[in-house]
Amino acid sequence: TAQYDMTMLNYAVSGSSFAGGDRGQFPMVDRCRDLPENDTLDFVILQGGSNDWSHSVPMGTPDSCDTETFYGAMNYLLDYLEALYPSAAIVGFSPWISSGIENAEGYTQQDYTDAMLRLFAERGLPYYDASDAETNGMYLNRESFRAEYCLRATDWYHLNPVGHAVFVPIIAQWLESTLYQVHTDRFYDLGTASEELRSTATALVNAGILSATSA
């Protein structure tokens, strides 16, 4: 937070599921009502899904409003967060790579990841696919990786301090470039540049001197 001169508000609770009901645990659909109003937030990260899988929360359907299902809980949370923080970018963060084990509902963790990413994409919201190890290099499906970077070699969910140190610059760069694109839809490659350079580029565009292109 010091590097980016930012203030982080952390309302995470370990073990939380998105969904409520008999299979939910510390459900976010309930806890979100305790979030404070704040019109200065730049972005809100909604991270979860692994605990819904481990507690065999029913998947539901993409248009569901049933907060005891995974889709329904996500729809409720996204509607609530967008209404509470209308000026903030709502960002999804998926579970890590799946072990492939099925829960009592017959779903793997990857199924919950795919559902989450689908819903964010359909709503046009940015999301980080943490299960894409080929892109982020976080191979939690490898025991040797977990032994070095997770709390235990058997832990597929929690990075240790060394793992966090490795991942911080990866997610920071993604947030910078992605959220800058969210707000301006221009100069995706300048996401990590200085504010002076970004504002100069914007001024040149506004003056008709410079054009932003997809390339």
Protein backbone atom coordinates (compact mmCIF):
# COMPACT_ATOMS: atom_id res chain seq x y z
CA THR A 1 0.00 0.00 0.00
CA ALA A 2 2.88 2.40 0.66
CA GLN A 3 4.28 1.83 -2.84
CA TYR A 4 1.05 3.05 -4.43
CA ASP A 5 0.13 5.60 -1.74
CA MET A 6 -3.17 3.82 -1.20
CA THR A 7 -5.35 2.78 1.69
CA MET A 8 -6.63 -0.78 1.76
CA LEU A 9 -9.85 -1.68 3.56
CA ASN A 10 -9.90 -5.41 4.29
CA TYR A 11 -13.25 -7.00 5.05
CA ALA A 12 -12.19 -10.56 4.26
CA VAL A 13 -13.02 -13.39 6.68
CA SER A 14 -11.15 -16.66 6.25
CA GLY A 15 -13.44 -19.51 5.27
CA SER A 16 -16.19 -17.31 3.82
CA SER A 17 -18.47 -18.56 1.09
CA PHE A 18 -20.34 -16.32 -1.31
CA ALA A 19 -23.60 -18.20 -0.69
CA GLY A 20 -25.69 -18.41 2.44
CA GLY A 21 -28.10 -21.08 3.61
CA ASP A 22 -27.32 -24.38 5.29
CA ARG A 23 -24.13 -24.91 3.25
CA GLY A 24 -22.76 -21.41 3.52
CA GLN A 25 -20.09 -20.36 5.99
CA PHE A 26 -19.63 -16.74 7.12
CA PRO A 27 -21.57 -15.92 3.93
CA MET A 28 -20.63 -12.78 2.05
CA VAL A 29 -24.26 -12.26 1.05
CA ASP A 30 -24.90 -11.53 4.74
CA ARG A 31 -21.64 -9.80 5.63
CA CYS A 32 -21.86 -7.34 2.71
CA ARG A 33 -24.57 -5.47 4.64
CA ASP A 34 -21.91 -4.47 7.18
CA LEU A 35 -19.81 -2.68 4.55
CA PRO A 36 -19.61 1.09 5.10
CA GLU A 37 -20.74 3.63 2.55
CA ASN A 38 -17.68 5.18 0.92
CA ASP A 39 -17.76 7.32 -2.22
CA THR A 40 -13.97 7.57 -2.51
CA LEU A 41 -13.19 3.95 -3.39
CA ASP A 42 -11.39 3.33 -6.69
CA PHE A 43 -12.00 -0.39 -6.81
CA VAL A 44 -13.46 -3.29 -4.84
CA ILE A 45 -12.07 -6.81 -5.17
CA LEU A 46 -14.53 -9.67 -4.71
CA GLN A 47 -12.54 -12.85 -4.13
CA GLY A 48 -13.87 -16.29 -3.31
CA GLY A 49 -15.42 -19.48 -4.61
CA SER A 50 -13.18 -22.11 -3.06
CA ASN A 51 -15.27 -22.34 0.09
CA ASP A 52 -18.48 -22.62 -1.92
CA TRP A 53 -16.90 -25.61 -3.65
CA SER A 54 -15.62 -27.19 -0.42
CA HIS A 55 -19.06 -26.80 1.21
CA SER A 56 -20.84 -28.17 -1.87
CA VAL A 57 -22.95 -25.07 -2.46
CA PRO A 58 -25.44 -25.74 -5.30
CA MET A 59 -24.43 -24.03 -8.55
CA GLY A 60 -27.83 -22.67 -9.56
CA THR A 61 -28.34 -20.88 -12.89
CA PRO A 62 -26.67 -17.73 -14.28
CA ASP A 63 -29.87 -15.69 -13.88
CA SER A 64 -30.61 -16.94 -10.36
CA CYS A 65 -31.34 -14.61 -7.44
CA ASP A 66 -31.32 -17.45 -4.88
CA THR A 67 -28.54 -16.54 -2.45
CA GLU A 68 -28.24 -20.17 -1.35
CA THR A 69 -26.79 -20.99 -4.78
CA PHE A 70 -23.44 -19.93 -6.17
CA TYR A 71 -24.76 -17.99 -9.17
CA GLY A 72 -27.55 -16.42 -7.12
CA ALA A 73 -25.16 -15.29 -4.39
CA MET A 74 -22.80 -13.72 -6.92
CA ASN A 75 -25.67 -11.90 -8.63
CA TYR A 76 -26.82 -10.56 -5.28
CA LEU A 77 -23.30 -9.46 -4.27
CA LEU A 78 -22.57 -7.75 -7.58
CA ASP A 79 -25.90 -5.91 -7.55
CA TYR A 80 -25.31 -4.86 -3.94
CA LEU A 81 -21.71 -3.70 -4.46
CA GLU A 82 -22.51 -1.79 -7.65
CA ALA A 83 -25.33 0.03 -5.87
CA LEU A 84 -23.26 0.74 -2.74
CA TYR A 85 -20.14 1.86 -4.63
CA PRO A 86 -21.36 3.26 -7.99
CA SER A 87 -18.09 5.04 -8.80
CA ALA A 88 -15.81 2.09 -8.00
CA ALA A 89 -14.68 -0.66 -10.35
CA ILE A 90 -15.91 -4.03 -9.07
CA VAL A 91 -13.18 -6.60 -9.75
CA GLY A 92 -13.48 -10.38 -9.51
CA PHE A 93 -10.68 -12.63 -8.30
CA SER A 94 -11.21 -16.32 -8.98
CA PRO A 95 -10.00 -19.35 -6.99
CA TRP A 96 -6.56 -20.75 -7.70
CA ILE A 97 -6.03 -23.72 -9.99
CA SER A 98 -8.31 -26.67 -9.24
CA SER A 99 -7.23 -30.01 -7.81
CA GLY A 100 -9.90 -31.68 -9.95
CA ILE A 101 -11.64 -33.26 -6.94
CA GLU A 102 -15.44 -33.28 -7.14
CA ASN A 103 -17.63 -32.16 -4.23
CA ALA A 104 -20.95 -33.66 -3.13
CA GLU A 105 -22.71 -31.78 -5.95
CA GLY A 106 -20.37 -33.33 -8.52
CA TYR A 107 -18.53 -30.07 -9.25
CA THR A 108 -14.81 -29.33 -9.18
CA GLN A 109 -13.40 -26.04 -7.98
CA GLN A 110 -12.78 -25.15 -11.64
CA ASP A 111 -16.54 -25.32 -12.25
CA TYR A 112 -17.05 -22.58 -9.66
CA THR A 113 -14.20 -20.59 -11.19
CA ASP A 114 -15.74 -20.89 -14.65
CA ALA A 115 -19.13 -19.81 -13.28
CA MET A 116 -17.62 -16.76 -11.61
CA LEU A 117 -15.66 -15.72 -14.70
CA ARG A 118 -18.72 -16.23 -16.89
CA LEU A 119 -20.87 -13.96 -14.75
CA PHE A 120 -18.26 -11.20 -14.58
CA ALA A 121 -17.76 -11.39 -18.35
CA GLU A 122 -21.49 -11.21 -19.03
CA ARG A 123 -21.74 -8.12 -16.83
CA GLY A 124 -18.71 -6.52 -18.49
CA LEU A 125 -16.77 -6.43 -15.23
CA PRO A 126 -13.01 -7.04 -14.95
CA TYR A 127 -11.85 -10.26 -13.35
CA TYR A 128 -8.57 -11.95 -12.55
CA ASP A 129 -8.37 -15.62 -13.47
CA ALA A 130 -6.09 -16.92 -10.73
CA SER A 131 -6.57 -20.46 -12.06
CA ASP A 132 -4.59 -19.57 -15.22
CA ALA A 133 -1.22 -20.79 -14.00
CA GLU A 134 0.30 -20.60 -17.49
CA THR A 135 -0.17 -16.83 -17.35
CA ASN A 136 0.57 -15.98 -13.72
CA GLY A 137 3.09 -18.72 -12.96
CA MET A 138 1.32 -19.77 -9.74
CA TYR A 139 1.36 -23.55 -10.17
CA LEU A 140 -0.53 -24.62 -7.08
CA ASN A 141 -1.19 -27.99 -8.77
CA ARG A 142 2.49 -28.87 -8.29
CA GLU A 143 3.54 -30.24 -4.92
CA SER A 144 7.03 -28.76 -5.27
CA PHE A 145 5.50 -25.30 -5.81
CA ARG A 146 3.16 -25.66 -2.84
CA ALA A 147 6.02 -26.82 -0.61
CA GLU A 148 7.90 -23.59 -1.34
CA TYR A 149 5.14 -21.02 -1.75
CA CYS A 150 2.09 -22.25 0.21
CA LEU A 151 1.51 -22.68 3.93
CA ARG A 152 1.90 -26.44 3.53
CA ALA A 153 2.69 -28.77 0.66
CA THR A 154 -0.89 -30.06 0.93
CA ASP A 155 -2.42 -26.56 0.87
CA TRP A 156 -3.95 -25.59 -2.49
CA TYR A 157 -5.47 -22.32 -1.28
CA HIS A 158 -3.14 -20.20 0.87
CA LEU A 159 0.19 -18.68 -0.14
CA ASN A 160 2.87 -18.24 2.51
CA PRO A 161 4.79 -14.93 2.86
CA VAL A 162 7.26 -15.99 0.16
CA GLY A 163 4.39 -16.86 -2.18
CA HIS A 164 2.71 -13.53 -1.52
CA ALA A 165 5.95 -11.69 -2.25
CA VAL A 166 6.14 -13.47 -5.61
CA PHE A 167 2.51 -12.77 -6.49
CA VAL A 168 2.25 -9.12 -5.39
CA PRO A 169 4.00 -7.58 -8.44
CA ILE A 170 2.00 -9.88 -10.75
CA ILE A 171 -1.40 -8.82 -9.46
CA ALA A 172 -0.29 -5.18 -9.00
CA GLN A 173 0.66 -4.88 -12.66
CA TRP A 174 -2.60 -6.52 -13.69
CA LEU A 175 -4.65 -4.15 -11.52
CA GLU A 176 -2.84 -1.09 -12.83
CA SER A 177 -3.26 -1.93 -16.49
CA THR A 178 -6.76 -3.39 -16.22
CA LEU A 179 -8.30 -0.72 -14.03
CA TYR A 180 -6.78 2.07 -16.07
CA GLN A 181 -8.37 0.50 -19.14
CA VAL A 182 -11.66 0.21 -17.27
CA HIS A 183 -11.75 3.94 -16.53
CA THR A 184 -10.48 5.29 -19.87
CA ASP A 185 -10.61 2.46 -22.43
CA ARG A 186 -7.38 3.93 -23.86
CA PHE A 187 -3.66 3.41 -23.56
CA TYR A 188 -3.80 -0.09 -22.09
CA ASP A 189 -0.01 -0.28 -22.36
CA LEU A 190 0.44 2.82 -20.21
CA GLY A 191 -1.19 1.24 -17.19
CA THR A 192 2.10 1.14 -15.27
CA ALA A 193 3.39 4.50 -16.55
CA SER A 194 3.56 7.65 -14.45
CA GLU A 195 0.49 9.83 -13.98
CA GLU A 196 2.37 12.62 -15.79
CA LEU A 197 2.83 10.46 -18.90
CA ARG A 198 -0.76 9.22 -18.88
CA SER A 199 -2.22 12.72 -18.46
CA THR A 200 0.06 14.04 -21.21
CA ALA A 201 -1.11 11.33 -23.59
CA THR A 202 -4.73 12.13 -22.75
CA ALA A 203 -4.16 15.85 -23.32
CA LEU A 204 -2.62 15.17 -26.74
CA VAL A 205 -5.62 13.04 -27.70
CA ASN A 206 -8.03 15.72 -26.57
CA ALA A 207 -6.09 18.25 -28.69
CA GLY A 208 -6.37 16.00 -31.75
CA ILE A 209 -2.61 15.49 -31.98
CA LEU A 210 -2.44 11.83 -30.89
CA SER A 211 -4.73 8.88 -31.50
CA ALA A 212 -5.23 5.80 -29.35
CA THR A 213 -5.43 2.55 -31.32
CA SER A 214 -6.01 -1.07 -30.32
CA ALA A 215 -2.50 -1.88 -31.55
